[in-house]
Amino acid sequence: MRIQLKIEGGIASFPGLSKPIMIDSDQLPQQESDELKRLVNATRFFDLPTAMGSPSPGAADYRQYTITIQDEGKQHTVHLTDLIEDPDLQALLTYLKARRPAAK
């Protein structure tokens, strides 16, 4: 399973500066790979609509997330906007964001 997470927006955001987070479950330790698959399955990711949530009228500094997952010949992309109400989707997003490389 290959996953890409793009994060845009937020306070002091510079478009194009943030690099996507790329994860290949085959490159993870078995326990981490299993946890990632569990999180993806809990969201029923491949059944989700391509866009979820929208900022409140007048909202500023909100973040937009784009998650793309490729698995077993399938690919699906979901665009999300803060605040994410689905706890399973929030858990997946938290997991993915935690894998962001540290700034140098």
PDB file of N, CA and C in Angstrom:
ATOM      1  N   MET A   1       0.856  -1.170   0.000  1.00  0.00           N
ATOM      2  CA  MET A   1       0.000   0.000   0.000  1.00  0.00           C
ATOM      3  C   MET A   1       0.900   1.231   0.000  1.00  0.00           C
ATOM      4  N   ARG A   2       0.588   2.165  -0.889  1.00  0.00           N
ATOM      5  CA  ARG A   2       1.340   3.414  -0.956  1.00  0.00           C
ATOM      6  C   ARG A   2       0.383   4.561  -0.660  1.00  0.00           C
ATOM      7  N   ILE A   3       0.859   5.469   0.186  1.00  0.00           N
ATOM      8  CA  ILE A   3       0.015   6.588   0.617  1.00  0.00           C
ATOM      9  C   ILE A   3       0.781   7.892   0.438  1.00  0.00           C
ATOM     10  N   GLN A   4       0.067   8.898  -0.063  1.00  0.00           N
ATOM     11  CA  GLN A   4       0.620  10.239  -0.163  1.00  0.00           C
ATOM     12  C   GLN A   4      -0.325  11.187   0.556  1.00  0.00           C
ATOM     13  N   LEU A   5       0.246  12.054   1.394  1.00  0.00           N
ATOM     14  CA  LEU A   5      -0.523  13.086   2.088  1.00  0.00           C
ATOM     15  C   LEU A   5       0.055  14.443   1.725  1.00  0.00           C
ATOM     16  N   LYS A   6      -0.796  15.323   1.194  1.00  0.00           N
ATOM     17  CA  LYS A   6      -0.414  16.710   0.924  1.00  0.00           C
ATOM     18  C   LYS A   6      -1.173  17.586   1.908  1.00  0.00           C
ATOM     19  N   ILE A   7      -0.472  18.546   2.484  1.00  0.00           N
ATOM     20  CA  ILE A   7      -1.081  19.485   3.429  1.00  0.00           C
ATOM     21  C   ILE A   7      -0.902  20.890   2.866  1.00  0.00           C
ATOM     22  N   GLU A   8      -2.003  21.639   2.791  1.00  0.00           N
ATOM     23  CA  GLU A   8      -1.957  23.005   2.289  1.00  0.00           C
ATOM     24  C   GLU A   8      -2.719  23.915   3.233  1.00  0.00           C
ATOM     25  N   GLY A   9      -2.312  25.169   3.261  1.00  0.00           N
ATOM     26  CA  GLY A   9      -3.025  26.158   4.063  1.00  0.00           C
ATOM     27  C   GLY A   9      -2.536  26.199   5.495  1.00  0.00           C
ATOM     28  N   GLY A  10      -3.301  26.889   6.326  1.00  0.00           N
ATOM     29  CA  GLY A  10      -2.917  27.060   7.721  1.00  0.00           C
ATOM     30  C   GLY A  10      -2.210  28.391   7.917  1.00  0.00           C
ATOM     31  N   ILE A  11      -1.872  28.673   9.146  1.00  0.00           N
ATOM     32  CA  ILE A  11      -1.190  29.919   9.491  1.00  0.00           C
ATOM     33  C   ILE A  11       0.211  29.896   8.892  1.00  0.00           C
ATOM     34  N   ALA A  12       0.633  31.004   8.317  1.00  0.00           N
ATOM     35  CA  ALA A  12       1.970  31.174   7.739  1.00  0.00           C
ATOM     36  C   ALA A  12       2.282  30.118   6.689  1.00  0.00           C
ATOM     37  N   SER A  13       1.304  29.792   5.899  1.00  0.00           N
ATOM     38  CA  SER A  13       1.499  28.801   4.838  1.00  0.00           C
ATOM     39  C   SER A  13       2.141  29.453   3.620  1.00  0.00           C
ATOM     40  N   PHE A  14       3.079  28.734   3.019  1.00  0.00           N
ATOM     41  CA  PHE A  14       3.701  29.179   1.781  1.00  0.00           C
ATOM     42  C   PHE A  14       3.395  28.139   0.716  1.00  0.00           C
ATOM     43  N   PRO A  15       2.502  28.461  -0.227  1.00  0.00           N
ATOM     44  CA  PRO A  15       2.104  27.479  -1.241  1.00  0.00           C
ATOM     45  C   PRO A  15       3.308  26.856  -1.937  1.00  0.00           C
ATOM     46  N   GLY A  16       3.263  25.541  -2.101  1.00  0.00           N
ATOM     47  CA  GLY A  16       4.314  24.822  -2.794  1.00  0.00           C
ATOM     48  C   GLY A  16       5.527  24.505  -1.948  1.00  0.00           C
ATOM     49  N   LEU A  17       5.611  25.046  -0.739  1.00  0.00           N
ATOM     50  CA  LEU A  17       6.780  24.817   0.106  1.00  0.00           C
ATOM     51  C   LEU A  17       6.700  23.491   0.848  1.00  0.00           C
ATOM     52  N   SER A  18       5.510  23.100   1.207  1.00  0.00           N
ATOM     53  CA  SER A  18       5.327  21.861   1.959  1.00  0.00           C
ATOM     54  C   SER A  18       5.431  20.661   1.023  1.00  0.00           C
ATOM     55  N   LYS A  19       6.307  19.715   1.369  1.00  0.00           N
ATOM     56  CA  LYS A  19       6.463  18.515   0.551  1.00  0.00           C
ATOM     57  C   LYS A  19       5.480  17.451   1.011  1.00  0.00           C
ATOM     58  N   PRO A  20       4.957  16.671   0.071  1.00  0.00           N
ATOM     59  CA  PRO A  20       4.025  15.604   0.450  1.00  0.00           C
ATOM     60  C   PRO A  20       4.713  14.549   1.318  1.00  0.00           C
ATOM     61  N   ILE A  21       3.937  13.932   2.167  1.00  0.00           N
ATOM     62  CA  ILE A  21       4.404  12.808   2.976  1.00  0.00           C
ATOM     63  C   ILE A  21       4.109  11.547   2.170  1.00  0.00           C
ATOM     64  N   MET A  22       5.128  10.736   1.955  1.00  0.00           N
ATOM     65  CA  MET A  22       4.975   9.504   1.183  1.00  0.00           C
ATOM     66  C   MET A  22       5.259   8.317   2.099  1.00  0.00           C
ATOM     67  N   ILE A  23       4.357   7.337   2.091  1.00  0.00           N
ATOM     68  CA  ILE A  23       4.527   6.141   2.918  1.00  0.00           C
ATOM     69  C   ILE A  23       4.263   4.915   2.054  1.00  0.00           C
ATOM     70  N   ASP A  24       5.177   3.956   2.130  1.00  0.00           N
ATOM     71  CA  ASP A  24       5.004   2.664   1.467  1.00  0.00           C
ATOM     72  C   ASP A  24       4.948   1.617   2.571  1.00  0.00           C
ATOM     73  N   SER A  25       3.807   0.973   2.737  1.00  0.00           N
ATOM     74  CA  SER A  25       3.646   0.022   3.847  1.00  0.00           C
ATOM     75  C   SER A  25       4.638  -1.135   3.757  1.00  0.00           C
ATOM     76  N   ASP A  26       5.132  -1.435   2.546  1.00  0.00           N
ATOM     77  CA  ASP A  26       6.121  -2.506   2.397  1.00  0.00           C
ATOM     78  C   ASP A  26       7.467  -2.136   3.008  1.00  0.00           C
ATOM     79  N   GLN A  27       7.691  -0.844   3.223  1.00  0.00           N
ATOM     80  CA  GLN A  27       8.953  -0.374   3.797  1.00  0.00           C
ATOM     81  C   GLN A  27       8.875  -0.208   5.319  1.00  0.00           C
ATOM     82  N   LEU A  28       7.724  -0.456   5.899  1.00  0.00           N
ATOM     83  CA  LEU A  28       7.526  -0.292   7.341  1.00  0.00           C
ATOM     84  C   LEU A  28       7.748  -1.611   8.065  1.00  0.00           C
ATOM     85  N   PRO A  29       8.104  -1.538   9.362  1.00  0.00           N
ATOM     86  CA  PRO A  29       8.118  -2.763  10.166  1.00  0.00           C
ATOM     87  C   PRO A  29       6.714  -3.385  10.161  1.00  0.00           C
ATOM     88  N   GLN A  30       6.628  -4.694  10.295  1.00  0.00           N
ATOM     89  CA  GLN A  30       5.355  -5.411  10.176  1.00  0.00           C
ATOM     90  C   GLN A  30       4.266  -4.836  11.076  1.00  0.00           C
ATOM     91  N   GLN A  31       4.603  -4.534  12.329  1.00  0.00           N
ATOM     92  CA  GLN A  31       3.604  -4.022  13.272  1.00  0.00           C
ATOM     93  C   GLN A  31       3.057  -2.668  12.810  1.00  0.00           C
ATOM     94  N   GLU A  32       3.952  -1.805  12.316  1.00  0.00           N
ATOM     95  CA  GLU A  32       3.513  -0.490  11.830  1.00  0.00           C
ATOM     96  C   GLU A  32       2.668  -0.628  10.567  1.00  0.00           C
ATOM     97  N   SER A  33       3.085  -1.527   9.684  1.00  0.00           N
ATOM     98  CA  SER A  33       2.334  -1.780   8.454  1.00  0.00           C
ATOM     99  C   SER A  33       0.926  -2.281   8.778  1.00  0.00           C
ATOM    100  N   ASP A  34       0.832  -3.192   9.738  1.00  0.00           N
ATOM    101  CA  ASP A  34      -0.475  -3.713  10.153  1.00  0.00           C
ATOM    102  C   ASP A  34      -1.353  -2.609  10.733  1.00  0.00           C
ATOM    103  N   GLU A  35      -0.750  -1.722  11.532  1.00  0.00           N
ATOM    104  CA  GLU A  35      -1.510  -0.613  12.129  1.00  0.00           C
ATOM    105  C   GLU A  35      -2.017   0.336  11.043  1.00  0.00           C
ATOM    106  N   LEU A  36      -1.171   0.639  10.078  1.00  0.00           N
ATOM    107  CA  LEU A  36      -1.575   1.515   8.985  1.00  0.00           C
ATOM    108  C   LEU A  36      -2.737   0.899   8.206  1.00  0.00           C
ATOM    109  N   LYS A  37      -2.650  -0.369   7.885  1.00  0.00           N
ATOM    110  CA  LYS A  37      -3.726  -1.048   7.164  1.00  0.00           C
ATOM    111  C   LYS A  37      -5.017  -1.058   7.982  1.00  0.00           C
ATOM    112  N   ARG A  38      -4.885  -1.232   9.297  1.00  0.00           N
ATOM    113  CA  ARG A  38      -6.060  -1.213  10.172  1.00  0.00           C
ATOM    114  C   ARG A  38      -6.732   0.167  10.124  1.00  0.00           C
ATOM    115  N   LEU A  39      -5.918   1.218  10.195  1.00  0.00           N
ATOM    116  CA  LEU A  39      -6.459   2.579  10.154  1.00  0.00           C
ATOM    117  C   LEU A  39      -7.161   2.861   8.822  1.00  0.00           C
ATOM    118  N   VAL A  40      -6.547   2.453   7.722  1.00  0.00           N
ATOM    119  CA  VAL A  40      -7.148   2.665   6.400  1.00  0.00           C
ATOM    120  C   VAL A  40      -8.456   1.893   6.285  1.00  0.00           C
ATOM    121  N   ASN A  41      -8.453   0.640   6.711  1.00  0.00           N
ATOM    122  CA  ASN A  41      -9.672  -0.175   6.635  1.00  0.00           C
ATOM    123  C   ASN A  41     -10.791   0.393   7.502  1.00  0.00           C
ATOM    124  N   ALA A  42     -10.441   0.944   8.668  1.00  0.00           N
ATOM    125  CA  ALA A  42     -11.452   1.512   9.573  1.00  0.00           C
ATOM    126  C   ALA A  42     -12.178   2.691   8.924  1.00  0.00           C
ATOM    127  N   THR A  43     -11.488   3.429   8.062  1.00  0.00           N
ATOM    128  CA  THR A  43     -12.118   4.581   7.406  1.00  0.00           C
ATOM    129  C   THR A  43     -12.974   4.179   6.208  1.00  0.00           C
ATOM    130  N   ARG A  44     -12.818   2.919   5.751  1.00  0.00           N
ATOM    131  CA  ARG A  44     -13.457   2.482   4.496  1.00  0.00           C
ATOM    132  C   ARG A  44     -13.064   3.461   3.391  1.00  0.00           C
ATOM    133  N   PHE A  45     -11.756   3.731   3.334  1.00  0.00           N
ATOM    134  CA  PHE A  45     -11.203   4.788   2.493  1.00  0.00           C
ATOM    135  C   PHE A  45     -11.684   4.734   1.050  1.00  0.00           C
ATOM    136  N   PHE A  46     -11.680   3.558   0.449  1.00  0.00           N
ATOM    137  CA  PHE A  46     -12.036   3.454  -0.964  1.00  0.00           C
ATOM    138  C   PHE A  46     -13.526   3.679  -1.214  1.00  0.00           C
ATOM    139  N   ASP A  47     -14.329   3.773  -0.150  1.00  0.00           N
ATOM    140  CA  ASP A  47     -15.754   4.081  -0.271  1.00  0.00           C
ATOM    141  C   ASP A  47     -16.060   5.553   0.016  1.00  0.00           C
ATOM    142  N   LEU A  48     -15.056   6.317   0.454  1.00  0.00           N
ATOM    143  CA  LEU A  48     -15.271   7.721   0.803  1.00  0.00           C
ATOM    144  C   LEU A  48     -15.470   8.569  -0.455  1.00  0.00           C
ATOM    145  N   PRO A  49     -16.229   9.675  -0.328  1.00  0.00           N
ATOM    146  CA  PRO A  49     -16.344  10.604  -1.458  1.00  0.00           C
ATOM    147  C   PRO A  49     -14.996  11.282  -1.703  1.00  0.00           C
ATOM    148  N   THR A  50     -14.820  11.868  -2.877  1.00  0.00           N
ATOM    149  CA  THR A  50     -13.537  12.492  -3.197  1.00  0.00           C
ATOM    150  C   THR A  50     -13.310  13.812  -2.462  1.00  0.00           C
ATOM    151  N   ALA A  51     -14.352  14.420  -1.934  1.00  0.00           N
ATOM    152  CA  ALA A  51     -14.208  15.662  -1.174  1.00  0.00           C
ATOM    153  C   ALA A  51     -15.084  15.584   0.072  1.00  0.00           C
ATOM    154  N   MET A  52     -14.497  15.988   1.195  1.00  0.00           N
ATOM    155  CA  MET A  52     -15.232  15.958   2.468  1.00  0.00           C
ATOM    156  C   MET A  52     -14.964  17.237   3.239  1.00  0.00           C
ATOM    157  N   GLY A  53     -16.027  17.800   3.782  1.00  0.00           N
ATOM    158  CA  GLY A  53     -15.909  18.986   4.620  1.00  0.00           C
ATOM    159  C   GLY A  53     -15.679  20.239   3.798  1.00  0.00           C
ATOM    160  N   SER A  54     -16.030  21.337   4.384  1.00  0.00           N
ATOM    161  CA  SER A  54     -15.763  22.637   3.783  1.00  0.00           C
ATOM    162  C   SER A  54     -15.615  23.625   4.922  1.00  0.00           C
ATOM    163  N   PRO A  55     -14.781  24.630   4.735  1.00  0.00           N
ATOM    164  CA  PRO A  55     -14.583  25.594   5.817  1.00  0.00           C
ATOM    165  C   PRO A  55     -15.854  26.382   6.098  1.00  0.00           C
ATOM    166  N   SER A  56     -15.988  26.811   7.324  1.00  0.00           N
ATOM    167  CA  SER A  56     -17.123  27.653   7.702  1.00  0.00           C
ATOM    168  C   SER A  56     -17.031  28.975   6.956  1.00  0.00           C
ATOM    169  N   PRO A  57     -18.169  29.587   6.657  1.00  0.00           N
ATOM    170  CA  PRO A  57     -18.127  30.893   6.000  1.00  0.00           C
ATOM    171  C   PRO A  57     -17.264  31.862   6.806  1.00  0.00           C
ATOM    172  N   GLY A  58     -16.351  32.542   6.136  1.00  0.00           N
ATOM    173  CA  GLY A  58     -15.476  33.498   6.802  1.00  0.00           C
ATOM    174  C   GLY A  58     -14.280  32.863   7.484  1.00  0.00           C
ATOM    175  N   ALA A  59     -14.155  31.541   7.391  1.00  0.00           N
ATOM    176  CA  ALA A  59     -13.033  30.858   8.046  1.00  0.00           C
ATOM    177  C   ALA A  59     -11.723  31.241   7.361  1.00  0.00           C
ATOM    178  N   ALA A  60     -10.685  31.345   8.174  1.00  0.00           N
ATOM    179  CA  ALA A  60      -9.351  31.645   7.653  1.00  0.00           C
ATOM    180  C   ALA A  60      -8.351  30.695   8.292  1.00  0.00           C
ATOM    181  N   ASP A  61      -7.231  30.553   7.649  1.00  0.00           N
ATOM    182  CA  ASP A  61      -6.131  29.745   8.183  1.00  0.00           C
ATOM    183  C   ASP A  61      -6.485  28.282   8.405  1.00  0.00           C
ATOM    184  N   TYR A  62      -7.444  27.767   7.676  1.00  0.00           N
ATOM    185  CA  TYR A  62      -7.774  26.348   7.786  1.00  0.00           C
ATOM    186  C   TYR A  62      -6.828  25.559   6.884  1.00  0.00           C
ATOM    187  N   ARG A  63      -6.683  24.289   7.190  1.00  0.00           N
ATOM    188  CA  ARG A  63      -5.818  23.425   6.395  1.00  0.00           C
ATOM    189  C   ARG A  63      -6.641  22.531   5.494  1.00  0.00           C
ATOM    190  N   GLN A  64      -6.059  22.221   4.362  1.00  0.00           N
ATOM    191  CA  GLN A  64      -6.652  21.270   3.434  1.00  0.00           C
ATOM    192  C   GLN A  64      -5.685  20.095   3.305  1.00  0.00           C
ATOM    193  N   TYR A  65      -6.247  18.894   3.298  1.00  0.00           N
ATOM    194  CA  TYR A  65      -5.452  17.676   3.211  1.00  0.00           C
ATOM    195  C   TYR A  65      -5.904  16.892   1.987  1.00  0.00           C
ATOM    196  N   THR A  66      -4.946  16.347   1.270  1.00  0.00           N
ATOM    197  CA  THR A  66      -5.246  15.458   0.152  1.00  0.00           C
ATOM    198  C   THR A  66      -4.543  14.137   0.426  1.00  0.00           C
ATOM    199  N   ILE A  67      -5.337  13.080   0.574  1.00  0.00           N
ATOM    200  CA  ILE A  67      -4.792  11.746   0.823  1.00  0.00           C
ATOM    201  C   ILE A  67      -5.057  10.899  -0.416  1.00  0.00           C
ATOM    202  N   THR A  68      -3.996  10.310  -0.948  1.00  0.00           N
ATOM    203  CA  THR A  68      -4.113   9.383  -2.074  1.00  0.00           C
ATOM    204  C   THR A  68      -3.550   8.041  -1.634  1.00  0.00           C
ATOM    205  N   ILE A  69      -4.333   6.990  -1.841  1.00  0.00           N
ATOM    206  CA  ILE A  69      -3.901   5.642  -1.471  1.00  0.00           C
ATOM    207  C   ILE A  69      -3.980   4.745  -2.695  1.00  0.00           C
ATOM    208  N   GLN A  70      -2.895   4.007  -2.914  1.00  0.00           N
ATOM    209  CA  GLN A  70      -2.838   2.971  -3.948  1.00  0.00           C
ATOM    210  C   GLN A  70      -2.691   1.636  -3.229  1.00  0.00           C
ATOM    211  N   ASP A  71      -3.552   0.694  -3.556  1.00  0.00           N
ATOM    212  CA  ASP A  71      -3.490  -0.620  -2.916  1.00  0.00           C
ATOM    213  C   ASP A  71      -4.139  -1.658  -3.823  1.00  0.00           C
ATOM    214  N   GLU A  72      -3.419  -2.715  -4.085  1.00  0.00           N
ATOM    215  CA  GLU A  72      -3.930  -3.845  -4.864  1.00  0.00           C
ATOM    216  C   GLU A  72      -4.603  -3.400  -6.164  1.00  0.00           C
ATOM    217  N   GLY A  73      -3.923  -2.532  -6.910  1.00  0.00           N
ATOM    218  CA  GLY A  73      -4.434  -2.093  -8.203  1.00  0.00           C
ATOM    219  C   GLY A  73      -5.491  -1.008  -8.145  1.00  0.00           C
ATOM    220  N   LYS A  74      -5.887  -0.593  -6.943  1.00  0.00           N
ATOM    221  CA  LYS A  74      -6.884   0.483  -6.796  1.00  0.00           C
ATOM    222  C   LYS A  74      -6.166   1.761  -6.381  1.00  0.00           C
ATOM    223  N   GLN A  75      -6.726   2.899  -6.777  1.00  0.00           N
ATOM    224  CA  GLN A  75      -6.232   4.190  -6.309  1.00  0.00           C
ATOM    225  C   GLN A  75      -7.430   5.082  -6.026  1.00  0.00           C
ATOM    226  N   HIS A  76      -7.353   5.810  -4.913  1.00  0.00           N
ATOM    227  CA  HIS A  76      -8.442   6.713  -4.546  1.00  0.00           C
ATOM    228  C   HIS A  76      -7.839   7.930  -3.863  1.00  0.00           C
ATOM    229  N   THR A  77      -8.390   9.096  -4.150  1.00  0.00           N
ATOM    230  CA  THR A  77      -7.941  10.347  -3.551  1.00  0.00           C
ATOM    231  C   THR A  77      -9.119  11.006  -2.849  1.00  0.00           C
ATOM    232  N   VAL A  78      -8.858  11.497  -1.638  1.00  0.00           N
ATOM    233  CA  VAL A  78      -9.872  12.202  -0.856  1.00  0.00           C
ATOM    234  C   VAL A  78      -9.295  13.552  -0.440  1.00  0.00           C
ATOM    235  N   HIS A  79     -10.066  14.618  -0.670  1.00  0.00           N
ATOM    236  CA  HIS A  79      -9.693  15.972  -0.264  1.00  0.00           C
ATOM    237  C   HIS A  79     -10.489  16.306   0.999  1.00  0.00           C
ATOM    238  N   LEU A  80      -9.775  16.718   2.042  1.00  0.00           N
ATOM    239  CA  LEU A  80     -10.400  17.026   3.335  1.00  0.00           C
ATOM    240  C   LEU A  80     -10.098  18.462   3.729  1.00  0.00           C
ATOM    241  N   THR A  81     -10.992  19.038   4.493  1.00  0.00           N
ATOM    242  CA  THR A  81     -10.787  20.370   5.045  1.00  0.00           C
ATOM    243  C   THR A  81     -11.007  20.300   6.545  1.00  0.00           C
ATOM    244  N   ASP A  82     -10.126  21.002   7.307  1.00  0.00           N
ATOM    245  CA  ASP A  82     -10.343  21.069   8.758  1.00  0.00           C
ATOM    246  C   ASP A  82     -11.772  21.511   9.015  1.00  0.00           C
ATOM    247  N   LEU A  83     -12.374  21.147   9.969  1.00  0.00           N
ATOM    248  CA  LEU A  83     -12.169  20.181  11.025  1.00  0.00           C
ATOM    249  C   LEU A  83     -12.752  18.843  10.582  1.00  0.00           C
ATOM    250  N   ILE A  84     -12.017  17.779  10.842  1.00  0.00           N
ATOM    251  CA  ILE A  84     -12.448  16.451  10.421  1.00  0.00           C
ATOM    252  C   ILE A  84     -13.250  15.824  11.553  1.00  0.00           C
ATOM    253  N   GLU A  85     -14.504  15.525  11.269  1.00  0.00           N
ATOM    254  CA  GLU A  85     -15.412  15.036  12.307  1.00  0.00           C
ATOM    255  C   GLU A  85     -15.368  13.525  12.488  1.00  0.00           C
ATOM    256  N   ASP A  86     -15.020  12.779  11.453  1.00  0.00           N
ATOM    257  CA  ASP A  86     -14.989  11.320  11.533  1.00  0.00           C
ATOM    258  C   ASP A  86     -13.771  10.884  12.352  1.00  0.00           C
ATOM    259  N   PRO A  87     -13.975  10.213  13.496  1.00  0.00           N
ATOM    260  CA  PRO A  87     -12.842   9.849  14.352  1.00  0.00           C
ATOM    261  C   PRO A  87     -11.867   8.871  13.694  1.00  0.00           C
ATOM    262  N   ASP A  88     -12.352   7.977  12.843  1.00  0.00           N
ATOM    263  CA  ASP A  88     -11.455   7.043  12.158  1.00  0.00           C
ATOM    264  C   ASP A  88     -10.587   7.770  11.137  1.00  0.00           C
ATOM    265  N   LEU A  89     -11.185   8.702  10.418  1.00  0.00           N
ATOM    266  CA  LEU A  89     -10.434   9.484   9.440  1.00  0.00           C
ATOM    267  C   LEU A  89      -9.435  10.399  10.145  1.00  0.00           C
ATOM    268  N   GLN A  90      -9.830  10.955  11.272  1.00  0.00           N
ATOM    269  CA  GLN A  90      -8.921  11.794  12.054  1.00  0.00           C
ATOM    270  C   GLN A  90      -7.743  10.969  12.564  1.00  0.00           C
ATOM    271  N   ALA A  91      -7.993   9.733  12.993  1.00  0.00           N
ATOM    272  CA  ALA A  91      -6.915   8.856  13.475  1.00  0.00           C
ATOM    273  C   ALA A  91      -5.929   8.551  12.349  1.00  0.00           C
ATOM    274  N   LEU A  92      -6.434   8.288  11.151  1.00  0.00           N
ATOM    275  CA  LEU A  92      -5.555   8.040  10.005  1.00  0.00           C
ATOM    276  C   LEU A  92      -4.731   9.283   9.694  1.00  0.00           C
ATOM    277  N   LEU A  93      -5.365  10.441   9.661  1.00  0.00           N
ATOM    278  CA  LEU A  93      -4.666  11.684   9.364  1.00  0.00           C
ATOM    279  C   LEU A  93      -3.590  11.970  10.412  1.00  0.00           C
ATOM    280  N   THR A  94      -3.900  11.758  11.674  1.00  0.00           N
ATOM    281  CA  THR A  94      -2.928  11.964  12.748  1.00  0.00           C
ATOM    282  C   THR A  94      -1.729  11.044  12.563  1.00  0.00           C
ATOM    283  N   TYR A  95      -1.989   9.787  12.232  1.00  0.00           N
ATOM    284  CA  TYR A  95      -0.920   8.819  11.987  1.00  0.00           C
ATOM    285  C   TYR A  95      -0.029   9.296  10.840  1.00  0.00           C
ATOM    286  N   LEU A  96      -0.642   9.711   9.738  1.00  0.00           N
ATOM    287  CA  LEU A  96       0.130  10.138   8.569  1.00  0.00           C
ATOM    288  C   LEU A  96       0.942  11.398   8.867  1.00  0.00           C
ATOM    289  N   LYS A  97       0.338  12.373   9.541  1.00  0.00           N
ATOM    290  CA  LYS A  97       1.056  13.615   9.859  1.00  0.00           C
ATOM    291  C   LYS A  97       2.234  13.356  10.779  1.00  0.00           C
ATOM    292  N   ALA A  98       2.134  12.356  11.638  1.00  0.00           N
ATOM    293  CA  ALA A  98       3.226  12.026  12.560  1.00  0.00           C
ATOM    294  C   ALA A  98       4.440  11.475  11.811  1.00  0.00           C
ATOM    295  N   ARG A  99       4.257  11.070  10.563  1.00  0.00           N
ATOM    296  CA  ARG A  99       5.365  10.534   9.770  1.00  0.00           C
ATOM    297  C   ARG A  99       6.038  11.614   8.936  1.00  0.00           C
ATOM    298  N   ARG A 100       5.663  12.876   9.158  1.00  0.00           N
ATOM    299  CA  ARG A 100       6.278  13.986   8.424  1.00  0.00           C
ATOM    300  C   ARG A 100       7.737  14.111   8.858  1.00  0.00           C
ATOM    301  N   PRO A 101       8.662  14.198   7.899  1.00  0.00           N
ATOM    302  CA  PRO A 101      10.073  14.355   8.272  1.00  0.00           C
ATOM    303  C   PRO A 101      10.282  15.650   9.051  1.00  0.00           C
ATOM    304  N   ALA A 102      11.211  15.611   9.999  1.00  0.00           N
ATOM    305  CA  ALA A 102      11.515  16.799  10.795  1.00  0.00           C
ATOM    306  C   ALA A 102      12.132  17.867   9.897  1.00  0.00           C
ATOM    307  N   ALA A 103      11.809  19.134  10.179  1.00  0.00           N
ATOM    308  CA  ALA A 103      12.370  20.247   9.410  1.00  0.00           C
ATOM    309  C   ALA A 103      13.864  20.354   9.686  1.00  0.00           C
ATOM    310  N   LYS A 104      14.616  20.703   8.654  1.00  0.00           N
ATOM    311  CA  LYS A 104      16.080  20.823   8.808  1.00  0.00           C
ATOM    312  C   LYS A 104      16.488  22.259   8.936  1.00  0.00           C
TER     313      LYS A 104
END
